[in-house]
Protein backbone atom coordinates (compact mmCIF):
# COMPACT_ATOMS: atom_id res chain seq x y z
CA UNK A 1 31.20 39.90 -0.83
CA UNK A 2 33.46 37.50 -2.65
CA UNK A 3 32.56 33.79 -2.84
CA UNK A 4 35.44 32.86 -0.16
CA UNK A 5 32.90 34.76 2.25
CA UNK A 6 30.32 32.13 2.06
CA UNK A 7 29.80 30.52 5.23
CA UNK A 8 29.13 26.95 4.76
CA UNK A 9 27.21 26.41 8.05
CA UNK A 10 24.02 24.18 8.65
CA UNK A 11 21.61 27.46 7.68
CA UNK A 12 23.29 27.16 4.36
CA UNK A 13 23.57 23.52 4.34
CA UNK A 14 19.55 23.22 4.57
CA UNK A 15 19.34 26.33 2.03
CA UNK A 16 20.93 24.17 -0.59
CA UNK A 17 18.86 21.44 -0.14
CA UNK A 18 15.97 24.41 -0.17
CA UNK A 19 17.46 25.31 -3.87
CA UNK A 20 17.77 21.45 -4.91
CA UNK A 21 14.12 21.42 -4.29
CA UNK A 22 13.57 24.42 -6.55
CA UNK A 23 15.71 23.41 -9.48
CA UNK A 24 14.14 20.18 -9.51
CA UNK A 25 10.85 21.84 -9.82
CA UNK A 26 11.76 24.34 -11.99
CA UNK A 27 13.25 21.42 -14.29
CA UNK A 28 10.07 18.89 -14.28
CA UNK A 29 7.18 20.62 -12.70
CA UNK A 30 8.39 23.97 -15.41
CA UNK A 31 8.08 20.95 -18.16
CA UNK A 32 4.62 20.36 -17.22
CA UNK A 33 3.45 23.76 -17.37
CA UNK A 34 5.35 24.31 -20.54
CA UNK A 35 3.04 21.49 -22.26
CA UNK A 36 -0.04 23.51 -21.26
CA UNK A 37 1.30 26.72 -22.75
CA UNK A 38 1.73 24.41 -25.69
CA UNK A 39 -1.64 23.32 -25.61
CA UNK A 40 -2.95 26.69 -25.62
CA UNK A 41 -0.73 27.70 -28.46
CA UNK A 42 -1.38 24.60 -30.57
CA UNK A 43 -2.27 25.42 -34.31
CA UNK A 44 -2.06 24.70 -37.61
CA UNK A 45 -3.46 21.21 -39.27
CA UNK A 46 -1.95 19.18 -36.98
CA UNK A 47 -3.40 21.02 -33.66
CA UNK A 48 -5.13 18.05 -32.55
CA UNK A 49 -2.35 15.73 -32.55
CA UNK A 50 0.22 18.53 -30.76
CA UNK A 51 -2.62 18.32 -28.08
CA UNK A 52 -2.74 14.69 -27.83
CA UNK A 53 0.90 14.27 -28.24
CA UNK A 54 1.36 16.44 -25.13
CA UNK A 55 -1.42 14.80 -23.22
CA UNK A 56 0.82 11.68 -24.05
CA UNK A 57 3.96 12.94 -22.39
CA UNK A 58 2.30 14.69 -19.25
CA UNK A 59 -0.36 11.98 -18.59
CA UNK A 60 2.01 8.64 -17.04
CA UNK A 61 3.80 11.44 -14.44
CA UNK A 62 0.87 13.30 -14.35
CA UNK A 63 1.20 15.99 -11.22
CA UNK A 64 3.95 13.64 -9.97
CA UNK A 65 6.48 16.46 -10.24
CA UNK A 66 4.91 18.86 -7.60
CA UNK A 67 6.14 16.61 -4.94
CA UNK A 68 8.89 18.97 -5.44
CA UNK A 69 6.92 22.03 -4.64
CA UNK A 70 5.56 20.46 -1.54
CA UNK A 71 9.04 19.71 -0.48
CA UNK A 72 10.03 23.46 -1.09
CA UNK A 73 7.34 24.83 0.72
CA UNK A 74 7.79 22.34 3.82
CA UNK A 75 11.51 22.52 4.17
CA UNK A 76 10.75 26.67 4.40
CA UNK A 77 7.98 26.44 6.90
CA UNK A 78 9.98 23.66 9.65
CA UNK A 79 13.77 25.07 8.72
CA UNK A 80 12.98 28.41 8.14
CA UNK A 81 9.86 29.37 9.71
CA UNK A 82 10.11 33.36 9.38
CA UNK A 83 10.55 33.59 6.17
CA UNK A 84 7.47 30.92 5.78
CA UNK A 85 5.52 33.80 7.67
CA UNK A 86 6.84 36.42 5.25
CA UNK A 87 5.96 34.99 2.51
CA UNK A 88 2.80 33.65 3.07
CA UNK A 89 1.79 37.41 4.62
CA UNK A 90 3.21 39.70 1.89
CA UNK A 91 2.62 37.50 -0.75
CA UNK A 92 -0.70 36.01 0.26
CA UNK A 93 -2.64 36.88 -3.05
CA UNK A 94 -0.51 35.37 -6.02
CA UNK A 95 0.08 32.61 -3.68
CA UNK A 96 -3.64 31.78 -3.02
CA UNK A 97 -3.82 32.21 -7.22
CA UNK A 98 -1.09 29.59 -7.76
CA UNK A 99 -2.74 27.29 -5.52
CA UNK A 100 -5.71 27.60 -7.41
CA UNK A 101 -4.17 27.22 -10.90
CA UNK A 102 -2.35 24.00 -9.61
CA UNK A 103 -5.67 22.49 -8.66
CA UNK A 104 -7.41 23.64 -11.50
CA UNK A 105 -4.82 22.66 -14.06
CA UNK A 106 -4.78 19.16 -12.41
CA UNK A 107 -8.31 18.66 -12.34
CA UNK A 108 -9.13 20.09 -15.74
CA UNK A 109 -5.99 17.75 -17.16
CA UNK A 110 -7.69 14.70 -16.03
CA UNK A 111 -11.46 15.66 -16.51
CA UNK A 112 -10.99 16.74 -20.25
CA UNK A 113 -9.30 13.50 -20.64
CA UNK A 114 -13.08 11.37 -19.33
CA UNK A 115 -15.08 13.75 -21.13
CA UNK A 116 -15.23 11.46 -24.19
CA UNK A 117 -18.85 11.83 -24.84
CA UNK A 118 -19.33 16.03 -24.39
CA UNK A 119 -17.32 18.04 -26.74
CA UNK A 120 -18.17 20.90 -25.21
CA UNK A 121 -17.41 19.65 -21.85
CA UNK A 122 -13.59 19.03 -23.41
CA UNK A 123 -13.02 22.57 -24.72
CA UNK A 124 -14.03 23.78 -21.59
CA UNK A 125 -11.86 21.72 -19.41
CA UNK A 126 -9.02 21.96 -22.06
CA UNK A 127 -9.14 25.78 -22.14
CA UNK A 128 -8.72 25.57 -18.07
CA UNK A 129 -5.85 23.63 -18.24
CA UNK A 130 -3.91 25.58 -20.73
CA UNK A 131 -4.85 28.82 -19.09
CA UNK A 132 -3.79 27.77 -15.83
CA UNK A 133 -0.78 26.53 -17.02
CA UNK A 134 -0.18 29.86 -18.48
CA UNK A 135 -0.85 31.94 -14.88
CA UNK A 136 0.66 29.64 -12.59
CA UNK A 137 4.20 29.94 -13.84
CA UNK A 138 3.75 33.52 -14.36
CA UNK A 139 2.58 34.25 -10.74
CA UNK A 140 5.41 31.53 -9.15
CA UNK A 141 8.11 34.07 -11.20
CA UNK A 142 6.73 36.92 -9.57
CA UNK A 143 6.72 35.47 -6.52
CA UNK A 144 10.28 35.01 -7.11
CA UNK A 145 10.37 38.18 -8.28
CA UNK A 146 9.24 39.88 -5.10
CA UNK A 147 11.71 37.75 -2.73
CA UNK A 148 14.73 39.03 -4.98
CA UNK A 149 13.56 42.66 -5.56
CA UNK A 150 13.61 43.99 -1.99
CA UNK A 151 9.91 44.82 -1.80
CA UNK A 152 9.15 42.62 0.42
CA UNK A 153 9.93 44.33 3.97
CA UNK A 154 9.94 42.89 7.55
CA UNK A 155 10.19 45.42 10.56
CA UNK A 156 10.19 43.62 13.97
CA UNK A 157 8.57 39.97 12.55
CA UNK A 158 5.86 41.96 10.85
CA UNK A 159 5.52 42.57 7.16
CA UNK A 160 5.41 45.80 6.64
CA UNK A 161 4.79 45.95 2.48
CA UNK A 162 1.90 46.44 0.87
CA UNK A 163 -0.08 43.10 -0.13
CA UNK A 164 0.13 44.30 -4.32
CA UNK A 165 3.07 46.51 -5.08
CA UNK A 166 5.66 43.55 -3.74
CA UNK A 167 4.72 41.66 -6.92
CA UNK A 168 3.01 44.06 -8.93
CA UNK A 169 6.27 45.75 -9.87
CA UNK A 170 8.52 45.90 -12.93
CA UNK A 171 11.06 43.21 -11.84
CA UNK A 172 8.89 40.79 -10.60
CA UNK A 173 6.32 40.77 -13.71
CA UNK A 174 9.75 40.75 -15.86
CA UNK A 175 10.85 37.48 -13.93
CA UNK A 176 7.34 36.34 -14.29
CA UNK A 177 7.55 36.43 -18.00
CA UNK A 178 11.14 35.24 -17.82
CA UNK A 179 9.56 32.05 -15.79
CA UNK A 180 7.10 31.52 -18.29
CA UNK A 181 9.35 31.17 -21.36
CA UNK A 182 11.19 29.05 -19.49
CA UNK A 183 8.67 26.54 -19.12
CA UNK A 184 7.87 26.92 -22.79
CA UNK A 185 11.29 26.67 -23.54
CA UNK A 186 11.41 23.34 -21.46
CA UNK A 187 8.63 21.77 -22.72
CA UNK A 188 9.35 22.05 -26.36
CA UNK A 189 12.70 20.89 -26.03
CA UNK A 190 11.45 17.39 -24.23
CA UNK A 191 8.25 17.24 -26.52
CA UNK A 192 11.32 17.30 -29.48
CA UNK A 193 12.77 13.94 -27.97
CA UNK A 194 9.33 12.52 -27.25
CA UNK A 195 8.33 12.82 -31.06
CA UNK A 196 9.33 12.05 -34.50
CA UNK A 197 8.20 13.26 -38.03
CA UNK A 198 6.17 16.29 -38.25
CA UNK A 199 5.29 16.90 -35.21
CA UNK A 200 8.89 16.85 -33.97
CA UNK A 201 9.29 19.48 -36.55
CA UNK A 202 6.65 21.45 -35.28
CA UNK A 203 7.68 21.43 -31.31
CA UNK A 204 11.29 22.11 -32.75
CA UNK A 205 9.84 25.26 -34.44
CA UNK A 206 7.94 25.92 -31.04
CA UNK A 207 11.63 25.78 -29.37
CA UNK A 208 13.31 27.77 -31.32
CA UNK A 209 10.99 30.58 -30.99
CA UNK A 210 10.94 30.16 -27.19
CA UNK A 211 14.84 29.90 -26.76
CA UNK A 212 15.00 33.39 -28.58
CA UNK A 213 12.02 34.88 -26.44
CA UNK A 214 13.88 33.46 -23.28
CA UNK A 215 16.89 34.83 -23.83
CA UNK A 216 15.70 38.52 -25.08
CA UNK A 217 13.23 38.81 -21.60
CA UNK A 218 17.05 37.38 -20.00
CA UNK A 219 18.62 40.31 -21.39
CA UNK A 220 15.63 42.60 -20.46
CA UNK A 221 15.66 41.52 -16.95
CA UNK A 222 19.39 43.07 -16.29
CA UNK A 223 18.88 46.90 -16.93
CA UNK A 224 15.43 46.08 -15.25
CA UNK A 225 17.58 43.83 -11.63
CA UNK A 226 19.72 47.14 -12.17
CA UNK A 227 16.89 49.65 -11.82
CA UNK A 228 14.29 47.99 -9.45
CA UNK A 229 16.38 44.87 -7.51
CA UNK A 230 19.97 46.58 -6.62
CA UNK A 231 20.74 43.36 -4.24
CA UNK A 232 20.51 40.96 -6.84
CA UNK A 233 22.42 43.39 -9.29
CA UNK A 234 25.55 43.62 -7.14
CA UNK A 235 25.26 40.26 -5.87
CA UNK A 236 25.56 39.08 -9.74
CA UNK A 237 28.27 41.23 -10.33
CA UNK A 238 30.22 40.33 -7.30
CA UNK A 239 29.91 36.67 -6.79
CA UNK A 240 27.32 34.92 -9.46
CA UNK A 241 29.10 36.68 -12.54
CA UNK A 242 30.87 33.23 -13.64
CA UNK A 243 27.74 31.92 -14.21
CA UNK A 244 26.72 34.70 -17.00
CA UNK A 245 29.06 33.38 -19.59
CA UNK A 246 28.18 29.89 -18.59
CA UNK A 247 24.21 30.94 -19.18
CA UNK A 248 24.66 32.45 -22.17
CA UNK A 249 26.96 29.83 -23.97
CA UNK A 250 24.37 26.87 -22.43
CA UNK A 251 21.84 29.23 -24.41
CA UNK A 252 24.04 29.14 -27.60
CA UNK A 253 24.48 25.28 -27.38
CA UNK A 254 20.42 24.56 -26.89
CA UNK A 255 19.87 26.69 -29.98
CA UNK A 256 22.59 24.77 -31.79
CA UNK A 257 21.36 21.48 -30.71
CA UNK A 258 17.71 22.13 -31.58
CA UNK A 259 18.51 24.18 -35.02
CA UNK A 260 20.70 20.97 -35.91
CA UNK A 261 17.93 18.48 -35.05
CA UNK A 262 20.46 17.12 -32.12
CA UNK A 263 17.69 16.91 -29.48
CA UNK A 264 18.86 14.99 -26.25
CA UNK A 265 22.10 17.26 -26.48
CA UNK A 266 19.52 20.09 -26.29
CA UNK A 267 17.60 18.72 -23.54
CA UNK A 268 20.81 18.16 -21.61
CA UNK A 269 21.82 21.72 -22.58
CA UNK A 270 18.09 23.32 -21.32
CA UNK A 271 18.30 21.84 -18.10
CA UNK A 272 21.89 22.83 -17.75
CA UNK A 273 20.38 26.31 -18.45
CA UNK A 274 17.71 26.49 -16.06
CA UNK A 275 20.18 25.08 -12.92
CA UNK A 276 22.35 27.82 -13.93
CA UNK A 277 19.68 30.44 -13.65
CA UNK A 278 18.23 29.60 -10.49
CA UNK A 279 21.94 29.01 -9.06
CA UNK A 280 22.61 32.62 -10.18
CA UNK A 281 19.51 33.67 -8.63
CA UNK A 282 20.50 32.09 -5.05
CA UNK A 283 24.23 32.95 -5.14
CA UNK A 284 23.65 36.76 -6.24
CA UNK A 285 21.00 37.14 -3.19
CA UNK A 286 23.03 35.53 -0.86
CA UNK A 287 23.47 35.73 2.33
CA UNK A 288 19.42 36.65 2.11
CA UNK A 289 16.91 34.60 1.82
CA UNK A 290 14.34 37.33 1.45
CA UNK A 291 16.11 40.50 0.03
CA UNK A 292 17.03 42.38 2.33
CA UNK A 293 15.11 41.81 5.94
CA UNK A 294 15.54 37.67 6.64
CA UNK A 295 19.34 36.08 6.19
CA UNK A 296 19.85 32.38 5.85
CA UNK A 297 21.32 32.28 9.75
CA UNK A 298 18.79 34.86 10.97
CA UNK A 299 15.93 33.33 9.65
CA UNK A 300 16.78 29.56 10.58
CA UNK A 301 15.51 27.66 13.35
CA UNK A 302 17.54 25.77 15.99
CA UNK A 303 20.38 24.10 15.09
CA UNK A 304 18.84 21.02 16.74
CA UNK A 305 15.67 21.38 14.27
CA UNK A 306 17.36 21.60 11.23
CA UNK A 307 19.59 18.78 12.42
CA UNK A 308 16.39 16.80 12.56
CA UNK A 309 14.94 18.17 9.53
CA UNK A 310 18.04 16.83 7.74
CA UNK A 311 17.75 13.38 9.07
CA UNK A 312 14.03 12.92 8.43
CA UNK A 313 14.53 14.47 4.52
CA UNK A 314 17.66 12.03 4.24
CA UNK A 315 15.23 9.25 5.00
CA UNK A 316 12.45 10.42 2.99
CA UNK A 317 15.12 10.83 0.23
CA UNK A 318 16.19 7.21 0.07
CA UNK A 319 12.28 6.26 -0.50
CA UNK A 320 11.08 9.15 -2.69
CA UNK A 321 13.78 9.76 -5.37
CA UNK A 322 14.01 5.90 -6.39
CA UNK A 323 10.32 6.18 -6.23
CA UNK A 324 10.41 8.95 -8.81
CA UNK A 325 13.53 7.27 -10.73
CA UNK A 326 10.97 4.14 -11.20
CA UNK A 327 8.33 6.03 -12.23
CA UNK A 328 10.19 7.79 -15.31
CA UNK A 329 11.88 4.37 -15.74
CA UNK A 330 8.80 2.61 -16.53
CA UNK A 331 6.87 5.24 -17.96
CA UNK A 332 9.43 7.50 -19.59
CA UNK A 333 11.84 5.08 -20.57
CA UNK A 334 10.07 4.18 -23.55
CA UNK A 335 8.69 6.67 -25.83
CA UNK A 336 4.83 6.40 -24.91
CA UNK A 337 3.94 8.88 -27.91
CA UNK A 338 5.71 6.44 -30.32
CA UNK A 339 4.14 3.63 -29.22
CA UNK A 340 0.77 4.43 -28.01
CA UNK A 341 0.96 2.82 -24.84
CA UNK A 342 -1.04 5.09 -22.90
CA UNK A 343 -3.47 6.28 -24.90
CA UNK A 344 -6.06 5.32 -23.15
CA UNK A 345 -4.86 6.40 -19.64
CA UNK A 346 -4.68 9.85 -21.31
CA UNK A 347 -8.39 10.04 -22.06
CA UNK A 348 -7.80 9.02 -26.55
CA UNK A 349 -10.64 9.19 -28.56
CA UNK A 350 -11.40 9.04 -32.00
CA UNK A 351 -9.59 11.90 -34.03
CA UNK A 352 -12.84 14.32 -33.97
CA UNK A 353 -13.17 14.26 -30.45
CA UNK A 354 -10.38 14.48 -28.98
CA UNK A 355 -9.43 16.47 -25.62
CA UNK A 356 -8.48 20.27 -25.91
CA UNK A 357 -9.77 23.60 -26.39
CA UNK A 358 -12.00 24.47 -29.33
CA UNK A 359 -10.04 24.34 -32.48
C-alpha cells in the first residue's frame, strides 16, 4: 500500500495522537528507564558519583513522564476498545509485570533516597530500582513486538493466541532488547549534557557504546522481521522505506556528535532517532493497530465518541502541556547536577552512604 492510500479520517487522527503519546513516552520515560540501567552498570572509581548524578537528574521530574503512558492507555481504552481488550488479554502476563516494574521502580527510587541511616536498605532498594529499570523497558518492547508481529490473533472478538508465545518469540524479544538499548542510549546522551568533567567523560563512553549496540540490534531486527513479522517487513519497504536512510543518518550524526563532544546536537539527534523509529513502526504496520486483525477503522469507537475524546484531550492538553513545560523549565532549565540545588531532594548524603546497590 503506497503512502497515498493512507486515509486521513477521524480514526486515523486519533491514532496519530496516540502515536504522539507513545513518542513522548519513549523520549522522556525511556530516558528515565535508561538512568536506572546506568545505575545498575555504574562502575569504576566514580560509581557512587555516577549514581548520585543519575538520581539528581531524575529526582526533580521523578515519575512525571509516566503521564504519557497513562495518556496512551486511556486513549486506547476510550477510542479503540477492541484493541484495549485484545492487548490486555493476550499480553496479560507482560503487562502485569510492567505494572509491577513501574511501581517497584518508582517506590524504590524514593525509598532508597531516604534510607540514609541503613546502608543495607539503600543497597536493596537501589537493586530493586536498577533491576526494575532494566526489565520494564524490555517487556514494553516485547509487547510492541508482539503487536507488530501478528502473533496476537483475534477471531469473532476473542483472542485465540497463547498467553506466552505472543510475546516470547524471536521478534518480540529482539524488539525488547532494542527498546532496552534505546533507553540506555537516550539516558547516556542526556546525562552527557547534564554533567561536566570526568563524569561527563564516563557517560560519553557509555553513550558511544550504547549507540553502537543500538545500531547493531536494529540491524539484527531486519532479518528477524523478514522471517517473523512479514506485515512489518512488507510495510517497511512499501511505505516506511524513506525513513530507513533518515534513521541511519541520525544514528551517524548522534555517534559523531558524541565523539566530538557536541552533546546538545547529540541529544537532538538521539531524540529524532527515536521519533523516526517509532514513526516508522506505525507507518509500516498501517492500517493495523494490532497486526493483522484490528485496523484503525475496524477497532475505532463511534464517531461521536471519538469527537468527544478529541475535545476532552484538547482541553486537557491546555493544562497538561504548559504544566510539564513549567516543570522542566523550573527543574531542568538549570543543571541541578552542576548547581547541587536538588541534592537533598534525592537523598544526598555523605560520600560513604550514597544511595545505590552494593559497590
